[in-house]
C-alpha atoms as a PDB file:
ATOM      1  CA  MET A   1    -118.198  19.948  85.879  1.00  0.00           C
ATOM      2  CA  ALA A   2    -115.803  22.455  84.411  1.00  0.00           C
ATOM      3  CA  ALA A   3    -112.549  22.946  86.326  1.00  0.00           C
ATOM      4  CA  ALA A   4    -112.209  26.096  88.349  1.00  0.00           C
ATOM      5  CA  ALA A   5    -110.416  28.942  86.589  1.00  0.00           C
ATOM      6  CA  TYR A   6    -107.397  28.784  88.906  1.00  0.00           C
ATOM      7  CA  ALA A   7    -107.051  25.039  88.266  1.00  0.00           C
ATOM      8  CA  ARG A   8    -107.033  25.613  84.484  1.00  0.00           C
ATOM      9  CA  ILE A   9    -104.315  28.251  84.859  1.00  0.00           C
ATOM     10  CA  ALA A  10    -102.310  25.925  87.116  1.00  0.00           C
ATOM     11  CA  SER A  11    -102.701  23.094  84.611  1.00  0.00           C
ATOM     12  CA  ASP A  12    -101.445  25.251  81.744  1.00  0.00           C
ATOM     13  CA  LEU A  13     -98.416  26.466  83.711  1.00  0.00           C
ATOM     14  CA  ARG A  14     -97.759  22.911  84.924  1.00  0.00           C
ATOM     15  CA  GLY A  15     -97.621  21.763  81.313  1.00  0.00           C
ATOM     16  CA  LYS A  16     -95.162  24.511  80.398  1.00  0.00           C
ATOM     17  CA  ILE A  17     -92.910  23.537  83.304  1.00  0.00           C
ATOM     18  CA  SER A  18     -93.146  19.839  82.415  1.00  0.00           C
ATOM     19  CA  SER A  19     -92.311  20.491  78.755  1.00  0.00           C
ATOM     20  CA  ARG A  20     -89.491  22.864  79.798  1.00  0.00           C
ATOM     21  CA  ASP A  21     -91.055  25.803  77.988  1.00  0.00           C
ATOM     22  CA  ILE A  22     -90.406  27.271  81.420  1.00  0.00           C
ATOM     23  CA  LYS A  23     -86.991  25.863  82.281  1.00  0.00           C
ATOM     24  CA  PRO A  24     -85.864  24.778  85.779  1.00  0.00           C
ATOM     25  CA  GLY A  25     -85.079  27.958  87.656  1.00  0.00           C
ATOM     26  CA  GLY A  26     -86.859  29.952  84.965  1.00  0.00           C
ATOM     27  CA  HIS A  27     -88.881  33.059  85.740  1.00  0.00           C
ATOM     28  CA  LEU A  28     -92.678  32.741  85.523  1.00  0.00           C
ATOM     29  CA  PRO A  29     -94.715  35.654  84.178  1.00  0.00           C
ATOM     30  CA  THR A  30     -95.563  38.323  86.715  1.00  0.00           C
ATOM     31  CA  GLU A  31     -98.951  38.471  88.417  1.00  0.00           C
ATOM     32  CA  LEU A  32    -100.057  41.264  86.091  1.00  0.00           C
ATOM     33  CA  GLU A  33     -98.893  39.357  83.012  1.00  0.00           C
ATOM     34  CA  LEU A  34    -100.767  36.234  84.133  1.00  0.00           C
ATOM     35  CA  ARG A  35    -103.917  38.231  84.806  1.00  0.00           C
ATOM     36  CA  ASP A  36    -103.755  39.728  81.315  1.00  0.00           C
ATOM     37  CA  GLN A  37    -102.857  36.409  79.672  1.00  0.00           C
ATOM     38  CA  TYR A  38    -105.675  34.437  81.285  1.00  0.00           C
ATOM     39  CA  HIS A  39    -108.183  37.287  81.745  1.00  0.00           C
ATOM     40  CA  ALA A  40    -108.325  36.350  85.425  1.00  0.00           C
ATOM     41  CA  SER A  41    -108.614  38.170  88.709  1.00  0.00           C
ATOM     42  CA  ARG A  42    -105.738  38.632  91.132  1.00  0.00           C
ATOM     43  CA  ASN A  43    -107.149  36.045  93.535  1.00  0.00           C
ATOM     44  CA  THR A  44    -107.561  33.481  90.759  1.00  0.00           C
ATOM     45  CA  VAL A  45    -103.919  33.892  89.692  1.00  0.00           C
ATOM     46  CA  LEU A  46    -102.689  33.665  93.285  1.00  0.00           C
ATOM     47  CA  ASP A  47    -104.751  30.501  93.861  1.00  0.00           C
ATOM     48  CA  ALA A  48    -103.194  28.946  90.755  1.00  0.00           C
ATOM     49  CA  ILE A  49     -99.689  29.792  91.945  1.00  0.00           C
ATOM     50  CA  LYS A  50    -100.470  28.438  95.411  1.00  0.00           C
ATOM     51  CA  MET A  51    -101.536  25.131  93.870  1.00  0.00           C
ATOM     52  CA  LEU A  52     -98.227  24.885  91.978  1.00  0.00           C
ATOM     53  CA  LYS A  53     -96.252  25.836  95.074  1.00  0.00           C
ATOM     54  CA  ASP A  54     -98.056  23.148  97.076  1.00  0.00           C
ATOM     55  CA  GLU A  55     -97.009  20.658  94.391  1.00  0.00           C
ATOM     56  CA  GLY A  56     -93.391  21.783  94.677  1.00  0.00           C
ATOM     57  CA  LEU A  57     -93.289  23.073  91.109  1.00  0.00           C
ATOM     58  CA  VAL A  58     -92.985  26.790  91.840  1.00  0.00           C
ATOM     59  CA  GLU A  59     -91.145  28.825  94.447  1.00  0.00           C
ATOM     60  CA  THR A  60     -91.232  32.492  95.434  1.00  0.00           C
ATOM     61  CA  ARG A  61     -88.033  34.493  95.635  1.00  0.00           C
ATOM     62  CA  PRO A  62     -88.604  37.662  97.667  1.00  0.00           C
ATOM     63  CA  GLY A  63     -88.295  40.756  95.545  1.00  0.00           C
ATOM     64  CA  GLN A  64     -87.796  38.709  92.348  1.00  0.00           C
ATOM     65  CA  GLY A  65     -91.048  36.869  91.637  1.00  0.00           C
ATOM     66  CA  TRP A  66     -92.077  33.285  90.912  1.00  0.00           C
ATOM     67  CA  PHE A  67     -89.686  30.675  89.547  1.00  0.00           C
ATOM     68  CA  ALA A  68     -89.935  27.079  88.400  1.00  0.00           C
ATOM     69  CA  THR A  69     -88.400  24.930  91.121  1.00  0.00           C
ATOM     70  CA  VAL A  70     -84.999  23.510  90.339  1.00  0.00           C
ATOM     71  CA  ARG A  71     -85.021  19.760  90.866  1.00  0.00           C
ATOM     72  CA  ILE A  72     -81.363  18.886  91.058  1.00  0.00           C
ATOM     73  CA  VAL A  73     -80.006  15.474  90.085  1.00  0.00           C
ATOM     74  CA  PRO A  74     -76.274  15.656  90.914  1.00  0.00           C
ATOM     75  CA  PHE A  75     -73.877  14.642  88.150  1.00  0.00           C
ATOM     76  CA  VAL A  76     -70.610  12.827  88.856  1.00  0.00           C
ATOM     77  CA  ASN A  77     -67.815  14.343  86.771  1.00  0.00           C
ATOM     78  CA  SER A  78     -64.437  12.796  86.155  1.00  0.00           C
ATOM     79  CA  ILE A  79     -61.542  15.210  86.501  1.00  0.00           C
ATOM     80  CA  ASP A  80     -59.917  13.381  83.563  1.00  0.00           C
ATOM     81  CA  TRP A  81     -62.546  14.145  80.925  1.00  0.00           C
ATOM     82  CA  GLU A  82     -61.984  16.299  77.898  1.00  0.00           C
ATOM     83  CA  ASP A  83     -65.114  17.933  76.487  1.00  0.00           C
ATOM     84  CA  SER A  84     -65.918  15.102  74.064  1.00  0.00           C
ATOM     85  CA  ALA A  85     -65.689  12.501  76.837  1.00  0.00           C
ATOM     86  CA  ALA A  86     -67.886  14.580  79.145  1.00  0.00           C
ATOM     87  CA  ILE A  87     -70.569  14.877  76.466  1.00  0.00           C
ATOM     88  CA  ALA A  88     -70.444  11.156  75.650  1.00  0.00           C
ATOM     89  CA  GLU A  89     -70.631  10.094  79.306  1.00  0.00           C
ATOM     90  CA  ALA A  90     -73.477  12.467  80.147  1.00  0.00           C
ATOM     91  CA  THR A  91     -75.424  11.257  77.104  1.00  0.00           C
ATOM     92  CA  ALA A  92     -74.821   7.627  78.045  1.00  0.00           C
ATOM     93  CA  ARG A  93     -76.341   8.345  81.470  1.00  0.00           C
ATOM     94  CA  GLY A  94     -79.514   9.686  79.878  1.00  0.00           C
ATOM     95  CA  ARG A  95     -78.667  13.345  80.474  1.00  0.00           C
ATOM     96  CA  LYS A  96     -78.748  16.141  77.898  1.00  0.00           C
ATOM     97  CA  PRO A  97     -75.415  18.025  77.707  1.00  0.00           C
ATOM     98  CA  GLN A  98     -75.081  21.218  75.683  1.00  0.00           C
ATOM     99  CA  ALA A  99     -72.398  23.844  75.247  1.00  0.00           C
ATOM    100  CA  ALA A 100     -72.765  27.363  73.947  1.00  0.00           C
ATOM    101  CA  ALA A 101     -70.401  28.455  71.200  1.00  0.00           C
ATOM    102  CA  PRO A 102     -67.072  29.471  72.732  1.00  0.00           C
ATOM    103  CA  ASP A 103     -66.190  33.105  73.147  1.00  0.00           C
ATOM    104  CA  VAL A 104     -62.596  33.453  71.923  1.00  0.00           C
ATOM    105  CA  SER A 105     -60.366  36.378  72.815  1.00  0.00           C
ATOM    106  CA  ARG A 106     -56.774  37.348  73.509  1.00  0.00           C
ATOM    107  CA  LYS A 107     -55.811  38.398  77.008  1.00  0.00           C
ATOM    108  CA  ALA A 108     -52.727  38.917  79.093  1.00  0.00           C
ATOM    109  CA  ALA A 109     -51.991  36.034  81.454  1.00  0.00           C
ATOM    110  CA  PRO A 110     -52.952  36.875  85.070  1.00  0.00           C
ATOM    111  CA  PRO A 111     -50.588  35.699  87.832  1.00  0.00           C
ATOM    112  CA  GLU A 112     -52.521  32.497  88.667  1.00  0.00           C
ATOM    113  CA  VAL A 113     -52.409  31.368  85.007  1.00  0.00           C
ATOM    114  CA  ALA A 114     -48.853  32.535  84.314  1.00  0.00           C
ATOM    115  CA  ASP A 115     -47.650  30.647  87.384  1.00  0.00           C
ATOM    116  CA  ARG A 116     -49.207  27.385  86.225  1.00  0.00           C
ATOM    117  CA  LEU A 117     -47.921  27.760  82.655  1.00  0.00           C
ATOM    118  CA  ARG A 118     -44.490  28.965  83.776  1.00  0.00           C
ATOM    119  CA  VAL A 119     -44.623  32.084  81.630  1.00  0.00           C
ATOM    120  CA  PRO A 120     -44.224  35.758  82.553  1.00  0.00           C
ATOM    121  CA  VAL A 121     -47.295  37.569  83.832  1.00  0.00           C
ATOM    122  CA  GLY A 122     -48.827  39.434  80.898  1.00  0.00           C
ATOM    123  CA  THR A 123     -47.909  36.827  78.269  1.00  0.00           C
ATOM    124  CA  GLN A 124     -50.506  36.923  75.485  1.00  0.00           C
ATOM    125  CA  MET A 125     -53.030  34.102  75.743  1.00  0.00           C
ATOM    126  CA  VAL A 126     -55.796  32.643  73.632  1.00  0.00           C
ATOM    127  CA  VAL A 127     -58.789  32.471  75.973  1.00  0.00           C
ATOM    128  CA  ARG A 128     -61.690  30.173  75.085  1.00  0.00           C
ATOM    129  CA  ARG A 129     -64.691  30.634  77.377  1.00  0.00           C
ATOM    130  CA  GLN A 130     -67.825  28.455  77.225  1.00  0.00           C
ATOM    131  CA  GLU A 131     -71.059  28.062  79.123  1.00  0.00           C
ATOM    132  CA  TRP A 132     -72.154  24.455  79.621  1.00  0.00           C
ATOM    133  CA  PHE A 133     -75.635  23.134  80.393  1.00  0.00           C
ATOM    134  CA  LEU A 134     -76.976  19.775  81.553  1.00  0.00           C
ATOM    135  CA  ASP A 135     -80.688  19.041  81.130  1.00  0.00           C
ATOM    136  CA  ASP A 136     -81.147  22.767  80.356  1.00  0.00           C
ATOM    137  CA  MET A 137     -79.619  23.693  83.725  1.00  0.00           C
ATOM    138  CA  PRO A 138     -76.326  25.586  83.964  1.00  0.00           C
ATOM    139  CA  TRP A 139     -73.608  22.961  84.499  1.00  0.00           C
ATOM    140  CA  LYS A 140     -70.253  24.737  84.442  1.00  0.00           C
ATOM    141  CA  LEU A 141     -68.364  27.784  83.243  1.00  0.00           C
ATOM    142  CA  GLN A 142     -65.191  26.737  81.455  1.00  0.00           C
ATOM    143  CA  THR A 143     -62.234  28.878  80.429  1.00  0.00           C
ATOM    144  CA  ILE A 144     -59.212  27.519  78.567  1.00  0.00           C
ATOM    145  CA  TRP A 145     -55.950  29.506  78.615  1.00  0.00           C
ATOM    146  CA  CYS A 146     -53.262  28.694  76.057  1.00  0.00           C
ATOM    147  CA  PRO A 147     -50.317  30.860  74.969  1.00  0.00           C
ATOM    148  CA  VAL A 148     -50.848  32.582  71.608  1.00  0.00           C
ATOM    149  CA  ALA A 149     -47.491  31.083  70.638  1.00  0.00           C
ATOM    150  CA  ARG A 150     -49.180  27.674  70.311  1.00  0.00           C
ATOM    151  CA  ALA A 151     -51.513  29.087  67.642  1.00  0.00           C
ATOM    152  CA  ASP A 152     -48.539  30.645  65.875  1.00  0.00           C
ATOM    153  CA  GLU A 153     -46.852  27.236  65.876  1.00  0.00           C
ATOM    154  CA  GLY A 154     -49.752  25.668  63.975  1.00  0.00           C
ATOM    155  CA  ALA A 155     -52.707  25.213  66.348  1.00  0.00           C
ATOM    156  CA  HIS A 156     -54.788  27.715  64.368  1.00  0.00           C
ATOM    157  CA  ARG A 157     -58.199  26.345  65.440  1.00  0.00           C
ATOM    158  CA  LEU A 158     -57.600  27.770  68.895  1.00  0.00           C
ATOM    159  CA  LEU A 159     -58.483  31.166  67.436  1.00  0.00           C
ATOM    160  CA  VAL A 160     -61.746  30.044  65.829  1.00  0.00           C
ATOM    161  CA  ALA A 161     -64.987  30.622  67.794  1.00  0.00           C
ATOM    162  CA  ALA A 162     -66.253  27.074  67.203  1.00  0.00           C
ATOM    163  CA  ASP A 163     -66.181  23.842  69.169  1.00  0.00           C
ATOM    164  CA  ILE A 164     -63.110  21.651  68.927  1.00  0.00           C
ATOM    165  CA  ALA A 165     -65.015  18.382  68.963  1.00  0.00           C
ATOM    166  CA  GLU A 166     -62.118  16.108  69.874  1.00  0.00           C
ATOM    167  CA  GLY A 167     -61.139  18.337  72.799  1.00  0.00           C
ATOM    168  CA  VAL A 168     -58.525  21.072  73.000  1.00  0.00           C
ATOM    169  CA  GLY A 169     -55.913  18.747  74.497  1.00  0.00           C
ATOM    170  CA  THR A 170     -56.223  16.065  71.814  1.00  0.00           C
ATOM    171  CA  TYR A 171     -56.162  18.765  69.138  1.00  0.00           C
ATOM    172  CA  LEU A 172     -53.047  20.459  70.529  1.00  0.00           C
ATOM    173  CA  TYR A 173     -51.093  17.230  70.919  1.00  0.00           C
ATOM    174  CA  THR A 174     -51.966  16.251  67.340  1.00  0.00           C
ATOM    175  CA  ALA A 175     -51.506  19.651  65.672  1.00  0.00           C
ATOM    176  CA  LEU A 176     -48.190  20.334  67.430  1.00  0.00           C
ATOM    177  CA  HIS A 177     -46.903  16.722  67.320  1.00  0.00           C
ATOM    178  CA  LEU A 178     -46.558  16.528  71.079  1.00  0.00           C
ATOM    179  CA  SER A 179     -46.991  13.746  73.615  1.00  0.00           C
ATOM    180  CA  PRO A 180     -48.996  14.102  76.851  1.00  0.00           C
ATOM    181  CA  ALA A 181     -46.878  14.272  79.983  1.00  0.00           C
ATOM    182  CA  GLY A 182     -49.475  14.314  82.741  1.00  0.00           C
ATOM    183  CA  ASP A 183     -51.901  16.749  84.324  1.00  0.00           C
ATOM    184  CA  SER A 184     -51.942  18.624  87.597  1.00  0.00           C
ATOM    185  CA  PHE A 185     -55.204  19.416  89.369  1.00  0.00           C
ATOM    186  CA  TYR A 186     -56.111  22.097  91.847  1.00  0.00           C
ATOM    187  CA  PHE A 187     -59.526  22.261  93.540  1.00  0.00           C
ATOM    188  CA  LEU A 188     -60.770  25.409  95.217  1.00  0.00           C
ATOM    189  CA  PRO A 189     -64.233  25.359  96.848  1.00  0.00           C
ATOM    190  CA  ARG A 190     -65.280  28.981  97.321  1.00  0.00           C
ATOM    191  CA  LYS A 191     -68.144  31.419  97.402  1.00  0.00           C
ATOM    192  CA  PRO A 192     -69.492  32.329  93.957  1.00  0.00           C
ATOM    193  CA  TYR A 193     -68.912  35.687  92.337  1.00  0.00           C
ATOM    194  CA  LEU A 194     -71.899  37.744  91.152  1.00  0.00           C
ATOM    195  CA  GLU A 195     -71.540  36.590  87.535  1.00  0.00           C
ATOM    196  CA  GLU A 196     -71.588  32.970  88.691  1.00  0.00           C
ATOM    197  CA  ILE A 197     -74.631  33.532  90.922  1.00  0.00           C
ATOM    198  CA  GLN A 198     -76.478  34.885  87.897  1.00  0.00           C
ATOM    199  CA  PHE A 199     -75.333  32.114  85.542  1.00  0.00           C
ATOM    200  CA  PHE A 200     -76.148  29.221  87.886  1.00  0.00           C
ATOM    201  CA  GLY A 201     -79.434  30.804  88.979  1.00  0.00           C
ATOM    202  CA  PHE A 202     -78.573  30.788  92.662  1.00  0.00           C
ATOM    203  CA  PRO A 203     -81.290  32.471  94.744  1.00  0.00           C
ATOM    204  CA  GLY A 204     -79.110  35.305  96.049  1.00  0.00           C
ATOM    205  CA  GLU A 205     -75.643  36.174  97.259  1.00  0.00           C
ATOM    206  CA  SER A 206     -76.397  35.416 100.900  1.00  0.00           C
ATOM    207  CA  ASP A 207     -78.073  32.055 100.158  1.00  0.00           C
ATOM    208  CA  ALA A 208     -75.890  30.920  97.240  1.00  0.00           C
ATOM    209  CA  PRO A 209     -74.278  27.462  97.482  1.00  0.00           C
ATOM    210  CA  TYR A 210     -70.543  27.236  97.038  1.00  0.00           C
ATOM    211  CA  VAL A 211     -68.863  26.630  93.686  1.00  0.00           C
ATOM    212  CA  ILE A 212     -65.950  24.309  92.958  1.00  0.00           C
ATOM    213  CA  GLU A 213     -63.187  25.847  90.880  1.00  0.00           C
ATOM    214  CA  LEU A 214     -61.071  23.176  89.202  1.00  0.00           C
ATOM    215  CA  PHE A 215     -57.759  24.093  87.595  1.00  0.00           C
ATOM    216  CA  ARG A 216     -56.363  21.415  85.285  1.00  0.00           C
ATOM    217  CA  THR A 217     -52.909  22.102  83.880  1.00  0.00           C
ATOM    218  CA  ALA A 218     -51.996  19.787  81.002  1.00  0.00           C
ATOM    219  CA  SER A 219     -48.339  19.209  80.187  1.00  0.00           C
ATOM    220  CA  ALA A 220     -46.501  17.923  77.131  1.00  0.00           C
ATOM    221  CA  SER A 221     -43.175  16.150  76.871  1.00  0.00           C
ATOM    222  CA  ALA A 222     -40.215  18.388  76.156  1.00  0.00           C
ATOM    223  CA  GLY A 223     -36.476  17.854  75.966  1.00  0.00           C
ATOM    224  CA  SER A 224     -36.004  19.125  79.503  1.00  0.00           C
ATOM    225  CA  GLY A 225     -39.010  17.226  80.881  1.00  0.00           C
ATOM    226  CA  PRO A 226     -42.761  17.942  81.140  1.00  0.00           C
ATOM    227  CA  HIS A 227     -43.740  21.475  80.143  1.00  0.00           C
ATOM    228  CA  PRO A 228     -47.187  23.054  80.789  1.00  0.00           C
ATOM    229  CA  LEU A 229     -49.199  23.378  77.575  1.00  0.00           C
ATOM    230  CA  TYR A 230     -52.575  24.844  78.576  1.00  0.00           C
ATOM    231  CA  VAL A 231     -54.811  25.440  81.591  1.00  0.00           C
ATOM    232  CA  VAL A 232     -58.509  24.633  81.884  1.00  0.00           C
ATOM    233  CA  VAL A 233     -60.435  26.461  84.598  1.00  0.00           C
ATOM    234  CA  GLY A 234     -63.858  24.983  85.275  1.00  0.00           C
ATOM    235  CA  VAL A 235     -66.301  26.545  87.726  1.00  0.00           C
ATOM    236  CA  TYR A 236     -68.981  24.073  88.836  1.00  0.00           C
ATOM    237  CA  ALA A 237     -72.080  24.648  90.967  1.00  0.00           C
ATOM    238  CA  GLY A 238     -71.519  22.764  94.212  1.00  0.00           C
ATOM    239  CA  ASP A 239     -75.188  21.783  94.536  1.00  0.00           C
ATOM    240  CA  ARG A 240     -75.279  19.761  91.306  1.00  0.00           C
ATOM    241  CA  ASN A 241     -71.767  18.386  90.710  1.00  0.00           C
ATOM    242  CA  ARG A 242     -69.634  15.634  92.224  1.00  0.00           C
ATOM    243  CA  PHE A 243     -66.130  14.522  91.214  1.00  0.00           C
ATOM    244  CA  GLU A 244     -64.117  11.342  90.853  1.00  0.00           C
ATOM    245  CA  SER A 245     -61.166  10.072  88.832  1.00  0.00           C
ATOM    246  CA  PHE A 246     -60.977   6.909  86.766  1.00  0.00           C
ATOM    247  CA  ARG A 247     -57.179   6.984  86.527  1.00  0.00           C
ATOM    248  CA  SER A 248     -55.195   4.230  88.168  1.00  0.00           C
ATOM    249  CA  MET A 249     -52.859   5.581  90.820  1.00  0.00           C
ATOM    250  CA  PRO A 250     -49.473   4.247  91.897  1.00  0.00           C
ATOM    251  CA  ALA A 251     -49.440   2.331  95.173  1.00  0.00           C
ATOM    252  CA  SER A 252     -48.026   5.370  96.915  1.00  0.00           C
ATOM    253  CA  GLY A 253     -50.952   7.510  95.666  1.00  0.00           C
ATOM    254  CA  PRO A 254     -50.853  10.707  93.601  1.00  0.00           C
ATOM    255  CA  GLN A 255     -48.065  13.221  94.084  1.00  0.00           C
ATOM    256  CA  LEU A 256     -49.552  15.860  96.355  1.00  0.00           C
ATOM    257  CA  LEU A 257     -48.737  19.483  95.661  1.00  0.00           C
ATOM    258  CA  PRO A 258     -48.887  22.214  98.286  1.00  0.00           C
ATOM    259  CA  ALA A 259     -51.953  24.449  98.161  1.00  0.00           C
ATOM    260  CA  ARG A 260     -51.081  27.947  97.019  1.00  0.00           C
ATOM    261  CA  PRO A 261     -51.020  30.471  99.857  1.00  0.00           C
ATOM    262  CA  ALA A 262     -52.182  33.196  97.457  1.00  0.00           C
ATOM    263  CA  ASP A 263     -55.556  31.451  97.254  1.00  0.00           C
ATOM    264  CA  ALA A 264     -56.021  31.016 100.982  1.00  0.00           C
ATOM    265  CA  ASP A 265     -58.052  34.163 101.526  1.00  0.00           C
ATOM    266  CA  GLN A 266     -60.551  33.084  98.823  1.00  0.00           C
ATOM    267  CA  ARG A 267     -61.561  29.863 100.580  1.00  0.00           C
ATOM    268  CA  PRO A 268     -64.881  29.801 102.403  1.00  0.00           C
ATOM    269  CA  SER A 269     -64.705  28.866 106.059  1.00  0.00           C
ATOM    270  CA  GLY A 270     -64.313  25.121 106.516  1.00  0.00           C
ATOM    271  CA  LEU A 271     -63.363  24.442 102.872  1.00  0.00           C
ATOM    272  CA  GLY A 272     -59.776  23.789 101.864  1.00  0.00           C
ATOM    273  CA  ALA A 273     -58.045  23.708  98.507  1.00  0.00           C
ATOM    274  CA  ARG A 274     -56.498  20.483  97.263  1.00  0.00           C
ATOM    275  CA  ALA A 275     -53.875  19.984  94.551  1.00  0.00           C
ATOM    276  CA  TRP A 276     -52.100  17.041  92.992  1.00  0.00           C
ATOM    277  CA  ARG A 277     -50.334  15.860  89.870  1.00  0.00           C
ATOM    278  CA  VAL A 278     -51.086  12.699  87.887  1.00  0.00           C
ATOM    279  CA  GLU A 279     -48.609  11.299  85.388  1.00  0.00           C
ATOM    280  CA  PRO A 280     -49.877   9.650  82.194  1.00  0.00           C
ATOM    281  CA  GLU A 281     -50.301   5.912  82.304  1.00  0.00           C
END
């Protein structure tokens, strides 16, 4: 016996979701588009969607339409990874990491970046911004801030809109003949901004999970001691990311740094910022 029309439509859409032609969190065609595509009645299309919803493959977002359900498998990130290490580790775990080509620009350093790099507010920066994906799902938004002076000193690839495969840190230390002098980390769980809601595919501003903003300030050895070299700001979706560190710590633990009062009003209720510094081994 031939399958009912709604079952055939459901089967076709199921296949597209399974093959990721319709990606997790992706928008399904509208009711009218499905009716035209399958030459089906309204009731037939709605029955097909109901079948997929019952299977947990499709969800309705009021006022937006039908979407492929996001099935989240949290990923454990190390705060120590450069891009190349993150890609290698994700691949080794059977995941599929991807990064869009970086958008490279020059901007004046805002206060929160200038403070971490110990430069005047407004200092010209090379800004490298990238969107990262894991298994076709948005993974993180990453922005690297580095003074333009470092490019003038010989780190010319900073200005090129292409991946730096070995990682920006490794490249800078090599190109500028510098030695690593430790990193400082600052975590800020907070509510997502509109751009982040759209990128991560959160259902809406009122229902959006929190994001984790991680500032990593990398320092290099200088005659007067460690000097900040660049800042990486990663924004991670809180519903699909976890964090750990593989660095060995001294018996006394990492050197804790005070959370910055300027950030206090950005913290969601019940979530606190954490900061610390780790010296190189």
